Protein backbone atom coordinates (compact mmCIF):
# COMPACT_ATOMS: atom_id res chain seq x y z
CA MET A 1 -29.31 -42.08 41.35
CA LEU A 2 -26.45 -39.84 41.03
CA ASP A 3 -26.85 -36.15 40.42
CA LEU A 4 -24.24 -34.37 38.52
CA ILE A 5 -23.73 -30.82 39.33
CA GLU A 6 -21.77 -27.97 37.45
CA PRO A 7 -18.19 -27.32 38.84
CA THR A 8 -17.48 -24.18 40.62
CA LYS A 9 -15.27 -21.95 38.60
CA CYS A 10 -11.81 -21.03 39.86
CA ARG A 11 -9.24 -18.80 38.71
CA LEU A 12 -5.79 -20.52 38.16
CA ILE A 13 -2.85 -18.64 40.18
CA LEU A 14 0.46 -19.99 40.33
CA ALA A 15 3.71 -18.99 42.15
CA VAL A 16 6.73 -19.87 40.08
CA MET A 17 10.44 -19.85 41.30
CA TRP A 18 13.59 -20.37 39.56
CA GLN A 19 17.18 -19.85 39.44
CA PRO A 20 18.25 -17.52 36.62
CA SER A 21 21.12 -19.34 35.52
CA PHE A 22 18.98 -22.65 34.88
CA SER A 23 18.74 -23.34 31.34
CA TRP A 24 15.36 -24.35 30.06
CA GLN A 25 15.05 -27.12 27.42
CA PRO A 26 11.90 -26.90 25.63
CA HIS A 27 12.25 -30.09 23.46
CA ALA A 28 9.39 -31.73 25.12
CA HIS A 29 6.96 -28.99 24.32
CA LYS A 30 8.08 -27.74 21.09
CA ILE A 31 8.15 -24.02 22.19
CA GLU A 32 10.39 -21.32 20.77
CA THR A 33 13.75 -20.95 22.86
CA ASN A 34 14.13 -17.00 21.90
CA LEU A 35 11.50 -16.00 24.76
CA GLU A 36 12.30 -12.61 26.77
CA HIS A 37 11.27 -13.99 30.18
CA PRO A 38 12.29 -17.15 31.78
CA THR A 39 8.43 -17.73 32.74
CA ASP A 40 7.25 -17.39 29.13
CA PRO A 41 7.56 -21.47 28.27
CA ILE A 42 5.50 -22.25 31.50
CA LEU A 43 3.01 -19.39 30.30
CA LYS A 44 2.78 -20.81 26.84
CA ILE A 45 2.34 -24.40 27.93
CA ILE A 46 -0.41 -23.45 30.54
CA GLU A 47 -2.22 -21.32 28.25
CA SER A 48 -2.52 -24.11 25.58
CA TYR A 49 -3.35 -26.61 28.11
CA PHE A 50 -6.25 -24.70 29.59
CA ASP A 51 -7.07 -22.59 26.49
CA VAL A 52 -6.71 -19.30 28.59
CA SER A 53 -4.58 -16.02 28.56
CA LEU A 54 -2.55 -15.47 31.58
CA SER A 55 -0.77 -12.62 33.01
CA GLN A 56 2.35 -12.50 35.25
CA SER A 57 3.31 -10.14 38.33
CA GLU A 58 6.64 -8.62 38.24
CA THR A 59 9.39 -10.68 39.37
CA TYR A 60 11.34 -10.04 42.68
CA PRO A 61 14.17 -11.88 44.43
CA PHE A 62 13.06 -14.69 46.78
CA ASP A 63 15.37 -13.60 49.62
CA PHE A 64 13.03 -14.44 52.23
CA SER A 65 14.25 -17.79 53.28
CA ASP A 66 17.20 -20.26 52.33
CA TYR A 67 14.92 -23.33 52.65
CA TYR A 68 15.43 -23.87 49.02
CA THR A 69 19.07 -22.90 48.78
CA ALA A 70 20.43 -26.62 48.83
CA GLU A 71 18.07 -27.86 46.55
CA MET A 72 17.91 -24.95 43.84
CA GLY A 73 21.03 -22.66 44.58
CA SER A 74 21.00 -19.28 45.64
CA ASN A 75 19.77 -15.86 43.95
CA LEU A 76 16.33 -17.34 43.35
CA LYS A 77 13.72 -15.58 41.36
CA LYS A 78 9.83 -15.32 41.73
CA CYS A 79 6.71 -14.10 40.10
CA PHE A 80 3.08 -15.29 39.92
CA ILE A 81 0.99 -16.25 37.17
CA GLU A 82 -2.80 -15.75 36.86
């Protein structure tokens, strides 16, 4: 017989990287478009999906590597959400 166990609680942490010239199209999630920070739509989607309140770190330039340049361009920005 299978015994069910309570799952271990964990903290949701995301690293988000973006190109500042990227234009967010929120049509699929019906989110307001006049948000102050580029990650605001991501925060709102995740908060509503997981029913949690999230915060984010300061934004910093992702200039440690050129690994993503071909796919995402240069001048990338990054922050953490938890």
